[in-house]
């Protein structure tokens, strides 16, 4: 019988909404979901490890990856490049495993152009005030950068119309449960299973 292909899950939302925290919590509970490590030119934050959190690249190295078409998507965001290496994603899906991309909104929309069968999930903050508090709480950005991120966030929230699902991150545990429910539902979709069961009928 035909092997079911894995799901490409794309999780994005405004900076500071908690994408990384939700992804980490999801992967702790759903060990079968693989995490696609993005490449970026931004500097590592405290505790981030190259090859685990991101592939940290120089601008020259990143531009070489673009030239060689080794990225599923890439975008420039607040002065830095971010992108998704394509080889690991395709290999994981072909092996029947789900993979989750935690990326910015610009990148997610580029992935949708090349991979429309993906499952696109927009992570929402409870409010813009709470989003600002979370960004300020990081202690890693200047006031000017925080203001810029908030302006970008308003534009990104308007882009949720391009997503399949919207999940509010009011509490991490609840957000994770909502995403797990989405994954279960997507695996049960007729479109994903019809060819597999056509073969079953033909065999018998």
Protein backbone atom coordinates (compact mmCIF):
# COMPACT_ATOMS: atom_id res chain seq x y z
CA UNK A 1 0.00 0.00 0.00
CA UNK A 2 1.16 3.52 -0.79
CA UNK A 3 3.10 5.15 2.06
CA UNK A 4 1.44 8.28 3.37
CA UNK A 5 3.59 11.35 2.87
CA UNK A 6 4.37 13.52 5.87
CA UNK A 7 2.70 16.85 6.58
CA UNK A 8 4.55 20.11 6.08
CA UNK A 9 3.36 22.28 8.99
CA UNK A 10 4.15 25.97 8.70
CA UNK A 11 3.84 27.98 11.93
CA UNK A 12 4.28 31.71 11.75
CA UNK A 13 3.09 34.94 13.30
CA UNK A 14 4.44 38.25 14.57
CA UNK A 15 7.82 38.46 16.30
CA UNK A 16 7.36 37.91 20.04
CA UNK A 17 4.16 35.87 19.72
CA UNK A 18 5.93 32.78 21.09
CA UNK A 19 6.52 30.66 17.99
CA UNK A 20 9.71 29.13 19.39
CA UNK A 21 8.17 28.38 22.78
CA UNK A 22 5.10 26.74 21.24
CA UNK A 23 7.24 24.74 18.80
CA UNK A 24 9.47 23.46 21.61
CA UNK A 25 6.47 22.46 23.73
CA UNK A 26 4.83 20.73 20.75
CA UNK A 27 7.95 18.75 19.93
CA UNK A 28 8.30 17.62 23.56
CA UNK A 29 4.85 16.04 23.34
CA UNK A 30 4.89 14.94 19.68
CA UNK A 31 8.29 13.34 19.22
CA UNK A 32 7.41 12.19 15.68
CA UNK A 33 7.24 15.78 14.43
CA UNK A 34 10.59 16.82 12.99
CA UNK A 35 11.84 20.38 13.35
CA UNK A 36 13.23 22.14 10.31
CA UNK A 37 16.17 24.27 11.35
CA UNK A 38 16.22 27.62 9.54
CA UNK A 39 19.27 29.50 8.36
CA UNK A 40 19.74 33.12 9.44
CA UNK A 41 22.27 35.93 9.34
CA UNK A 42 21.22 37.38 12.71
CA UNK A 43 23.52 36.96 15.71
CA UNK A 44 22.79 34.10 18.15
CA UNK A 45 20.89 34.99 21.32
CA UNK A 46 22.03 33.66 24.70
CA UNK A 47 21.63 29.89 24.81
CA UNK A 48 21.07 29.41 21.08
CA UNK A 49 23.17 26.71 19.45
CA UNK A 50 24.24 26.56 15.82
CA UNK A 51 22.57 23.66 14.01
CA UNK A 52 19.91 23.26 16.70
CA UNK A 53 18.13 26.60 16.95
CA UNK A 54 19.38 28.00 13.63
CA UNK A 55 22.14 27.59 11.11
CA UNK A 56 23.94 30.88 11.72
CA UNK A 57 25.40 32.16 8.44
CA UNK A 58 27.29 35.19 7.24
CA UNK A 59 25.54 37.33 4.63
CA UNK A 60 27.96 35.98 2.00
CA UNK A 61 27.18 32.35 2.92
CA UNK A 62 23.45 33.02 2.85
CA UNK A 63 23.61 34.68 -0.56
CA UNK A 64 25.48 31.64 -1.88
CA UNK A 65 22.62 29.40 -0.67
CA UNK A 66 20.16 31.62 -2.53
CA UNK A 67 22.23 31.47 -5.72
CA UNK A 68 22.37 27.66 -5.54
CA UNK A 69 18.57 27.39 -4.98
CA UNK A 70 19.15 25.51 -1.70
CA UNK A 71 16.34 27.31 0.15
CA UNK A 72 12.63 26.49 0.13
CA UNK A 73 12.04 30.13 1.02
CA UNK A 74 13.98 33.10 2.28
CA UNK A 75 13.20 36.62 3.39
CA UNK A 76 14.90 39.69 4.79
CA UNK A 77 13.38 40.78 8.08
CA UNK A 78 14.51 43.79 10.17
CA UNK A 79 17.92 43.80 8.51
CA UNK A 80 18.64 40.05 8.63
CA UNK A 81 18.08 37.13 6.26
CA UNK A 82 16.09 34.02 7.23
CA UNK A 83 15.55 30.91 5.10
CA UNK A 84 14.59 27.22 5.05
CA UNK A 85 17.09 24.68 3.62
CA UNK A 86 15.09 22.53 1.20
CA UNK A 87 16.87 19.13 1.20
CA UNK A 88 16.04 18.12 4.78
CA UNK A 89 12.40 19.12 4.35
CA UNK A 90 11.83 16.99 1.23
CA UNK A 91 13.66 13.96 2.65
CA UNK A 92 11.62 14.06 5.86
CA UNK A 93 8.26 14.31 4.06
CA UNK A 94 9.15 11.48 1.67
CA UNK A 95 9.95 9.29 4.68
CA UNK A 96 6.40 9.78 5.92
CA UNK A 97 7.31 12.06 8.82
CA UNK A 98 5.69 15.39 9.66
CA UNK A 99 7.95 18.42 9.74
CA UNK A 100 7.28 21.85 11.20
CA UNK A 101 8.72 25.12 9.96
CA UNK A 102 8.79 28.01 12.42
CA UNK A 103 9.22 31.00 10.13
CA UNK A 104 8.29 34.63 9.58
CA UNK A 105 5.13 35.57 7.69
CA UNK A 106 7.01 36.66 4.55
CA UNK A 107 8.69 33.27 4.38
CA UNK A 108 5.47 31.36 5.01
CA UNK A 109 3.76 33.01 2.06
CA UNK A 110 6.71 32.07 -0.19
CA UNK A 111 6.47 28.47 0.99
CA UNK A 112 2.75 28.49 0.13
CA UNK A 113 3.56 29.51 -3.44
CA UNK A 114 5.95 26.54 -3.87
CA UNK A 115 4.20 24.08 -1.55
CA UNK A 116 0.44 24.85 -1.46
CA UNK A 117 -0.38 21.45 0.06
CA UNK A 118 1.32 22.51 3.30
CA UNK A 119 -0.69 23.23 6.47
CA UNK A 120 -0.38 26.92 7.34
CA UNK A 121 -1.01 27.99 10.94
CA UNK A 122 -0.98 31.60 12.11
CA UNK A 123 -0.09 32.09 15.79
CA UNK A 124 -1.89 35.11 17.27
CA UNK A 125 -1.12 37.05 20.46
CA UNK A 126 -4.01 37.72 22.88
CA UNK A 127 -3.53 41.45 22.18
CA UNK A 128 -1.02 43.89 20.71
CA UNK A 129 -0.27 45.17 24.24
CA UNK A 130 0.66 41.66 25.35
CA UNK A 131 2.78 41.21 22.22
CA UNK A 132 4.74 44.37 23.01
CA UNK A 133 5.25 43.22 26.61
CA UNK A 134 6.69 39.93 25.38
CA UNK A 135 9.13 41.65 23.03
CA UNK A 136 10.20 44.12 25.72
CA UNK A 137 10.59 41.23 28.15
CA UNK A 138 13.27 39.65 25.97
CA UNK A 139 15.58 42.55 26.75
CA UNK A 140 17.38 42.05 23.44
CA UNK A 141 16.01 44.88 21.29
CA UNK A 142 16.27 48.66 21.37
CA UNK A 143 13.16 50.86 21.57
CA UNK A 144 13.47 51.69 17.87
CA UNK A 145 13.60 48.00 16.91
CA UNK A 146 10.63 47.24 19.20
CA UNK A 147 8.58 49.97 17.54
CA UNK A 148 9.55 48.66 14.11
CA UNK A 149 8.56 45.11 15.09
CA UNK A 150 5.17 46.35 16.31
CA UNK A 151 4.52 48.16 13.04
CA UNK A 152 5.46 45.02 11.12
CA UNK A 153 3.26 42.93 13.42
CA UNK A 154 0.16 44.94 12.48
CA UNK A 155 0.87 44.32 8.79
CA UNK A 156 1.48 40.60 9.43
CA UNK A 157 -1.76 40.12 11.37
CA UNK A 158 -3.58 41.42 8.30
CA UNK A 159 -1.99 38.54 6.34
CA UNK A 160 -3.70 35.83 8.41
CA UNK A 161 -6.30 35.56 5.64
CA UNK A 162 -3.72 33.53 3.69
CA UNK A 163 -3.52 30.82 6.37
CA UNK A 164 -5.54 27.65 6.91
CA UNK A 165 -5.81 27.98 10.69
CA UNK A 166 -5.43 30.66 13.38
CA UNK A 167 -4.30 29.66 16.88
CA UNK A 168 -4.27 32.14 19.76
CA UNK A 169 -1.26 31.79 22.04
CA UNK A 170 -2.94 32.85 25.26
CA UNK A 171 -1.41 29.88 27.10
CA UNK A 172 1.31 27.72 25.59
CA UNK A 173 -0.34 24.46 26.70
CA UNK A 174 -3.65 25.40 25.07
CA UNK A 175 -1.95 26.55 21.86
CA UNK A 176 -0.13 23.21 21.63
CA UNK A 177 -3.36 21.24 22.11
CA UNK A 178 -5.01 23.24 19.32
CA UNK A 179 -2.12 22.53 16.94
CA UNK A 180 -2.16 18.81 17.82
CA UNK A 181 -5.86 18.74 16.94
CA UNK A 182 -5.11 20.38 13.58
CA UNK A 183 -2.46 17.74 12.81
CA UNK A 184 -4.87 14.88 13.60
CA UNK A 185 -7.58 16.42 11.42
CA UNK A 186 -5.20 16.98 8.51
CA UNK A 187 -4.04 13.35 8.58
CA UNK A 188 -7.69 12.27 8.27
CA UNK A 189 -8.47 14.45 5.26
CA UNK A 190 -9.99 12.60 2.33
CA UNK A 191 -7.62 14.28 -0.12
CA UNK A 192 -4.61 12.80 1.67
CA UNK A 193 -5.99 9.27 1.92
CA UNK A 194 -8.00 8.70 -1.26
CA UNK A 195 -5.13 7.36 -3.41
CA UNK A 196 -3.99 5.05 -0.60
CA UNK A 197 -7.43 3.46 -0.27
CA UNK A 198 -8.05 3.32 -4.01
CA UNK A 199 -5.07 0.96 -4.14
CA UNK A 200 -6.61 -1.12 -1.33
CA UNK A 201 -9.83 -1.55 -3.32
CA UNK A 202 -7.95 -2.38 -6.52
CA UNK A 203 -5.88 -5.08 -4.78
CA UNK A 204 -9.01 -6.77 -3.51
